[in-house]
Each structure stands twice: as structure tokens, then as C-alpha cells.
Amino acid sequence: MINLGVRVEFYESVGPVGEASKGYLGALERTEGYRAAAVPQIGTYLMAASLRVVDRETAHPLPGPTRLPVRAVEHHLVPEREGKTPVWWGSYDEPGLVIVVHADLGSSPASELLRQLIRQYVADGWECHGTDGSVMREYSLEARRDLGL
């Protein structure tokens, strides 16, 4: 099995794979915590349900289709010198792999469902990043405050 992370980037409008999405709003990211049978390639599909962080009955699903195409595969390498990580390396100790998918929030993403979606992901240890003044940033800060993080 391969350990990997996932970043879901939210946009006002998501274009086809190979074309740029428009109106970046923010992202949910977990740099570890998922297993895969193989490294997903750009254009292959990731089942949105596999990113669910709570049980099926109470989960708020990611917006958009049930299958999300992989937009990017990011490899985070760790340098090795003489069989060891160098003393000067101040980052993670193990190599990492993060796959990136895009989700469409439309031009007016403010909603109670989005607030609850962000809250459940933040509670599960995901990082939520929003552009300055965006509702994603506001909801993330609110969730972190409410959860005591």
C-alpha cells in the first residue's frame, strides 16, 4: 500500500483536466492519512466518498460529482546522504505524496452546508486554507476556535 495525502482545492468554476480552474477560493488539505493501491495518475478518478471523514449517514459530501479527476500529483522528497537524512534537513522525515483534486463551489459559496463540511474536515485534522476575506477562511477560523484548536 502507498501512503498519500490529499488536497481539495475549491474554485468558483472548475474546468476540464488540463485546463485551468477559475476563481480560487481555498483548499482542504491532509498531507497524510490515506492509503492507495497505486499512485493515482493525472486524469484518473478519485471517488469523492473515499474522502469522507465521518460516517455515511452524517457526512456532508464534497460538492460536485461523485468521482473527482486527479489534477496534480506532488512528490515531497526527503534528501538522503550516506543512508541518512542530513542534519540540516528541517522538514518531514519521510517522503510524501499528495494528490490534488478540484471542487466547484460556484461564485457564492456561503452556506451552512459549507460551514459544516469545513468543520467536519477541520475536526478530522485537515488544514483549511482560504483566500483573505473568503468564507472558507472565515469558516476555518470559526471551526478551529469552536473545536479549541
C-alpha atoms as a PDB file:
ATOM      1  CA  MET A   1       0.000   0.000   0.000  1.00  0.00           C
ATOM      2  CA  ILE A   2       1.060   3.568  -0.672  1.00  0.00           C
ATOM      3  CA  ASN A   3       0.534   6.302   1.920  1.00  0.00           C
ATOM      4  CA  LEU A   4      -0.593   9.593   0.494  1.00  0.00           C
ATOM      5  CA  GLY A   5      -2.118  12.942   1.267  1.00  0.00           C
ATOM      6  CA  VAL A   6      -4.936  14.779  -0.445  1.00  0.00           C
ATOM      7  CA  ARG A   7      -5.593  18.441  -1.210  1.00  0.00           C
ATOM      8  CA  VAL A   8      -9.049  19.504  -2.354  1.00  0.00           C
ATOM      9  CA  GLU A   9      -8.846  22.925  -3.977  1.00  0.00           C
ATOM     10  CA  PHE A  10     -12.083  24.900  -4.256  1.00  0.00           C
ATOM     11  CA  TYR A  11     -12.857  27.193  -7.195  1.00  0.00           C
ATOM     12  CA  GLU A  12     -15.738  29.262  -8.499  1.00  0.00           C
ATOM     13  CA  SER A  13     -15.535  27.308 -11.743  1.00  0.00           C
ATOM     14  CA  VAL A  14     -13.734  24.019 -12.414  1.00  0.00           C
ATOM     15  CA  GLY A  15     -12.536  23.357 -15.944  1.00  0.00           C
ATOM     16  CA  PRO A  16     -11.705  20.019 -17.550  1.00  0.00           C
ATOM     17  CA  VAL A  17      -8.440  18.273 -16.654  1.00  0.00           C
ATOM     18  CA  GLY A  18      -5.632  20.077 -18.446  1.00  0.00           C
ATOM     19  CA  GLU A  19      -7.413  23.438 -18.334  1.00  0.00           C
ATOM     20  CA  ALA A  20      -7.202  25.940 -15.512  1.00  0.00           C
ATOM     21  CA  SER A  21      -9.966  26.242 -12.956  1.00  0.00           C
ATOM     22  CA  LYS A  22     -11.056  29.817 -12.228  1.00  0.00           C
ATOM     23  CA  GLY A  23     -11.593  31.820  -9.063  1.00  0.00           C
ATOM     24  CA  TYR A  24      -9.524  30.042  -6.407  1.00  0.00           C
ATOM     25  CA  LEU A  25     -11.318  30.176  -3.027  1.00  0.00           C
ATOM     26  CA  GLY A  26      -9.241  27.946  -0.773  1.00  0.00           C
ATOM     27  CA  ALA A  27      -8.339  24.351  -0.009  1.00  0.00           C
ATOM     28  CA  LEU A  28      -8.708  21.500   2.444  1.00  0.00           C
ATOM     29  CA  GLU A  29      -5.509  19.504   2.852  1.00  0.00           C
ATOM     30  CA  ARG A  30      -4.329  16.466   4.719  1.00  0.00           C
ATOM     31  CA  THR A  31      -0.727  15.582   3.913  1.00  0.00           C
ATOM     32  CA  GLU A  32      -1.098  12.043   5.274  1.00  0.00           C
ATOM     33  CA  GLY A  33      -3.799   9.658   6.325  1.00  0.00           C
ATOM     34  CA  TYR A  34      -4.860   7.815   3.175  1.00  0.00           C
ATOM     35  CA  ARG A  35      -3.719   4.545   1.591  1.00  0.00           C
ATOM     36  CA  ALA A  36      -3.854   3.629  -2.067  1.00  0.00           C
ATOM     37  CA  ALA A  37      -3.088   0.526  -4.085  1.00  0.00           C
ATOM     38  CA  ALA A  38      -1.106   2.639  -6.581  1.00  0.00           C
ATOM     39  CA  VAL A  39      -0.089   6.245  -7.173  1.00  0.00           C
ATOM     40  CA  PRO A  40      -3.058   7.906  -8.905  1.00  0.00           C
ATOM     41  CA  GLN A  41      -2.122   9.483 -12.221  1.00  0.00           C
ATOM     42  CA  ILE A  42      -3.329  12.849 -13.502  1.00  0.00           C
ATOM     43  CA  GLY A  43      -6.742  12.375 -15.091  1.00  0.00           C
ATOM     44  CA  THR A  44      -7.638   9.210 -13.189  1.00  0.00           C
ATOM     45  CA  TYR A  45     -10.623   9.428 -10.899  1.00  0.00           C
ATOM     46  CA  LEU A  46     -10.754   9.507  -7.141  1.00  0.00           C
ATOM     47  CA  MET A  47     -14.032   8.540  -5.521  1.00  0.00           C
ATOM     48  CA  ALA A  48     -15.221  11.549  -3.505  1.00  0.00           C
ATOM     49  CA  ALA A  49     -16.787   9.179  -0.951  1.00  0.00           C
ATOM     50  CA  SER A  50     -13.320   7.881  -0.042  1.00  0.00           C
ATOM     51  CA  LEU A  51     -12.522  11.373   1.295  1.00  0.00           C
ATOM     52  CA  ARG A  52     -15.436  11.172   3.708  1.00  0.00           C
ATOM     53  CA  VAL A  53     -14.247  11.847   7.253  1.00  0.00           C
ATOM     54  CA  VAL A  54     -17.310  10.711   9.222  1.00  0.00           C
ATOM     55  CA  ASP A  55     -19.926   8.012   8.783  1.00  0.00           C
ATOM     56  CA  ARG A  56     -22.031   7.955   5.632  1.00  0.00           C
ATOM     57  CA  GLU A  57     -25.270   8.970   7.393  1.00  0.00           C
ATOM     58  CA  THR A  58     -23.969  12.236   8.896  1.00  0.00           C
ATOM     59  CA  ALA A  59     -21.287  13.183   6.356  1.00  0.00           C
ATOM     60  CA  HIS A  60     -21.534  16.381   4.358  1.00  0.00           C
ATOM     61  CA  PRO A  61     -20.204  15.324   0.946  1.00  0.00           C
ATOM     62  CA  LEU A  62     -17.778  17.366  -1.097  1.00  0.00           C
ATOM     63  CA  PRO A  63     -19.578  19.476  -3.688  1.00  0.00           C
ATOM     64  CA  GLY A  64     -19.592  18.261  -7.257  1.00  0.00           C
ATOM     65  CA  PRO A  65     -19.507  14.849  -8.908  1.00  0.00           C
ATOM     66  CA  THR A  66     -19.008  11.569  -7.070  1.00  0.00           C
ATOM     67  CA  ARG A  67     -15.762  10.986  -8.993  1.00  0.00           C
ATOM     68  CA  LEU A  68     -13.106  13.724  -8.967  1.00  0.00           C
ATOM     69  CA  PRO A  69     -10.294  13.675 -11.534  1.00  0.00           C
ATOM     70  CA  VAL A  70      -6.772  13.958 -10.160  1.00  0.00           C
ATOM     71  CA  ARG A  71      -5.332  17.339 -11.256  1.00  0.00           C
ATOM     72  CA  ALA A  72      -1.785  17.022  -9.909  1.00  0.00           C
ATOM     73  CA  VAL A  73       0.483  14.575  -8.119  1.00  0.00           C
ATOM     74  CA  GLU A  74       3.032  16.215  -5.829  1.00  0.00           C
ATOM     75  CA  HIS A  75       6.016  14.247  -4.602  1.00  0.00           C
ATOM     76  CA  HIS A  76       7.666  15.589  -1.441  1.00  0.00           C
ATOM     77  CA  LEU A  77      11.145  14.128  -1.325  1.00  0.00           C
ATOM     78  CA  VAL A  78      13.490  13.783   1.632  1.00  0.00           C
ATOM     79  CA  PRO A  79      17.220  14.120   0.920  1.00  0.00           C
ATOM     80  CA  GLU A  80      19.445  11.226   1.873  1.00  0.00           C
ATOM     81  CA  ARG A  81      23.175  11.449   2.446  1.00  0.00           C
ATOM     82  CA  GLU A  82      25.121   8.285   3.197  1.00  0.00           C
ATOM     83  CA  GLY A  83      21.914   6.436   4.047  1.00  0.00           C
ATOM     84  CA  LYS A  84      20.556   9.081   6.466  1.00  0.00           C
ATOM     85  CA  THR A  85      18.541  12.274   6.397  1.00  0.00           C
ATOM     86  CA  PRO A  86      21.055  15.152   6.699  1.00  0.00           C
ATOM     87  CA  VAL A  87      21.212  17.042   9.997  1.00  0.00           C
ATOM     88  CA  TRP A  88      20.460  20.322   8.179  1.00  0.00           C
ATOM     89  CA  TRP A  89      17.111  18.995   6.862  1.00  0.00           C
ATOM     90  CA  GLY A  90      14.445  20.695   8.945  1.00  0.00           C
ATOM     91  CA  SER A  91      11.292  19.293   7.379  1.00  0.00           C
ATOM     92  CA  TYR A  92       9.469  15.956   7.376  1.00  0.00           C
ATOM     93  CA  ASP A  93      11.435  12.719   7.861  1.00  0.00           C
ATOM     94  CA  GLU A  94       9.603  10.556   5.333  1.00  0.00           C
ATOM     95  CA  PRO A  95       8.882  11.173   1.664  1.00  0.00           C
ATOM     96  CA  GLY A  96       5.314  12.140   0.929  1.00  0.00           C
ATOM     97  CA  LEU A  97       2.863  12.075  -1.912  1.00  0.00           C
ATOM     98  CA  VAL A  98      -0.088  14.470  -2.212  1.00  0.00           C
ATOM     99  CA  ILE A  99      -2.753  14.228  -4.874  1.00  0.00           C
ATOM    100  CA  VAL A 100      -4.732  17.328  -5.835  1.00  0.00           C
ATOM    101  CA  VAL A 101      -8.376  17.426  -6.918  1.00  0.00           C
ATOM    102  CA  HIS A 102     -10.629  20.427  -7.668  1.00  0.00           C
ATOM    103  CA  ALA A 103     -14.147  21.052  -6.389  1.00  0.00           C
ATOM    104  CA  ASP A 104     -16.611  23.628  -7.730  1.00  0.00           C
ATOM    105  CA  LEU A 105     -18.198  25.960  -5.166  1.00  0.00           C
ATOM    106  CA  GLY A 106     -19.686  28.437  -7.619  1.00  0.00           C
ATOM    107  CA  SER A 107     -19.444  32.207  -7.253  1.00  0.00           C
ATOM    108  CA  SER A 108     -21.352  32.459  -3.942  1.00  0.00           C
ATOM    109  CA  PRO A 109     -20.134  29.600  -1.713  1.00  0.00           C
ATOM    110  CA  ALA A 110     -21.515  30.924   1.602  1.00  0.00           C
ATOM    111  CA  SER A 111     -23.833  28.308   3.033  1.00  0.00           C
ATOM    112  CA  GLU A 112     -24.497  26.383   6.208  1.00  0.00           C
ATOM    113  CA  LEU A 113     -23.565  23.125   4.412  1.00  0.00           C
ATOM    114  CA  LEU A 114     -20.128  24.522   3.528  1.00  0.00           C
ATOM    115  CA  ARG A 115     -19.663  25.658   7.142  1.00  0.00           C
ATOM    116  CA  GLN A 116     -20.493  22.139   8.388  1.00  0.00           C
ATOM    117  CA  LEU A 117     -18.317  20.498   5.707  1.00  0.00           C
ATOM    118  CA  ILE A 118     -15.292  22.569   6.743  1.00  0.00           C
ATOM    119  CA  ARG A 119     -15.977  21.925  10.418  1.00  0.00           C
ATOM    120  CA  GLN A 120     -16.037  18.124   9.970  1.00  0.00           C
ATOM    121  CA  TYR A 121     -12.781  18.186   7.975  1.00  0.00           C
ATOM    122  CA  VAL A 122     -11.009  20.508  10.450  1.00  0.00           C
ATOM    123  CA  ALA A 123     -12.170  18.237  13.300  1.00  0.00           C
ATOM    124  CA  ASP A 124     -10.559  15.294  11.471  1.00  0.00           C
ATOM    125  CA  GLY A 125      -7.180  17.055  11.298  1.00  0.00           C
ATOM    126  CA  TRP A 126      -7.347  18.609   7.844  1.00  0.00           C
ATOM    127  CA  GLU A 127      -5.848  22.045   7.262  1.00  0.00           C
ATOM    128  CA  CYS A 128      -8.220  24.549   5.698  1.00  0.00           C
ATOM    129  CA  HIS A 129      -6.781  27.481   3.772  1.00  0.00           C
ATOM    130  CA  GLY A 130      -8.898  30.280   2.375  1.00  0.00           C
ATOM    131  CA  THR A 131      -8.022  33.414   0.495  1.00  0.00           C
ATOM    132  CA  ASP A 132      -8.147  36.650   2.514  1.00  0.00           C
ATOM    133  CA  GLY A 133     -11.747  37.609   3.150  1.00  0.00           C
ATOM    134  CA  SER A 134     -13.161  34.329   1.823  1.00  0.00           C
ATOM    135  CA  VAL A 135     -15.877  32.371   3.613  1.00  0.00           C
ATOM    136  CA  MET A 136     -13.572  29.331   3.593  1.00  0.00           C
ATOM    137  CA  ARG A 137     -11.076  31.264   5.716  1.00  0.00           C
ATOM    138  CA  GLU A 138     -13.855  32.562   7.971  1.00  0.00           C
ATOM    139  CA  TYR A 139     -15.402  29.103   8.422  1.00  0.00           C
ATOM    140  CA  SER A 140     -11.987  27.545   9.062  1.00  0.00           C
ATOM    141  CA  LEU A 141     -11.113  30.054  11.779  1.00  0.00           C
ATOM    142  CA  GLU A 142     -14.570  29.580  13.312  1.00  0.00           C
ATOM    143  CA  ALA A 143     -14.204  25.787  13.328  1.00  0.00           C
ATOM    144  CA  ARG A 144     -10.720  25.932  14.879  1.00  0.00           C
ATOM    145  CA  ARG A 145     -11.965  28.316  17.583  1.00  0.00           C
ATOM    146  CA  ASP A 146     -15.068  26.211  18.336  1.00  0.00           C
ATOM    147  CA  LEU A 147     -13.020  22.996  18.455  1.00  0.00           C
ATOM    148  CA  GLY A 148     -10.348  24.572  20.677  1.00  0.00           C
ATOM    149  CA  LEU A 149      -7.554  24.112  18.137  1.00  0.00           C
END
